[in-house]
Amino acid sequence: MCDAMRLVFIHCLFGGDEDMIEYTLESRPIIPLPPAVCDKAIRVLAGIAAESLTRREEEEKALMAQGQVDDEALEYLDDMLEDEKELTTECIDALGYICKNIRGDYLPLFKKHLHGTWARHLGIGSKAGVERLSP
């Protein structure tokens, strides 16, 4: 579902020609998204991504609670969480295309639906959060 939403938002932004996906400050959406659609889509995508992040955190905590964790256990965990990572990525990508479509109108919706939940997951305001966001 998240991937389908992402594709819809891409087409609203760029039209049907995926080879022409080039976003600049001068870019304008082909089909502007109505605020009510954005509000609901952001709420749904943020909820799905937050649930996925929570499941990932729970699995990581369960593994760490076992004590000594070797490379094999970490690799197993990484493989086990691959679907969750893909789901989170699809949600974040879709949110990004909404942001590009509605530009400055995104900030109030971000504050309303994302900031509280995502600040915790990203560790915004903490040293760990800065490290997590760094390349």
Foldseek 3Di string as FASTA:
>chain_A
DLLVLLVVLQCQQPNDDPVPPDDDPPGAGNHADDPVVLLVLLQVLQVLLLVLLVVLVVLVVVQVVVPDDDPVNVVVSCVVSVVSVVSNVSSVSSLVSNCSHVPPVVVVSCVVRPDVSVCVSLVPPDPSNVVSPDD
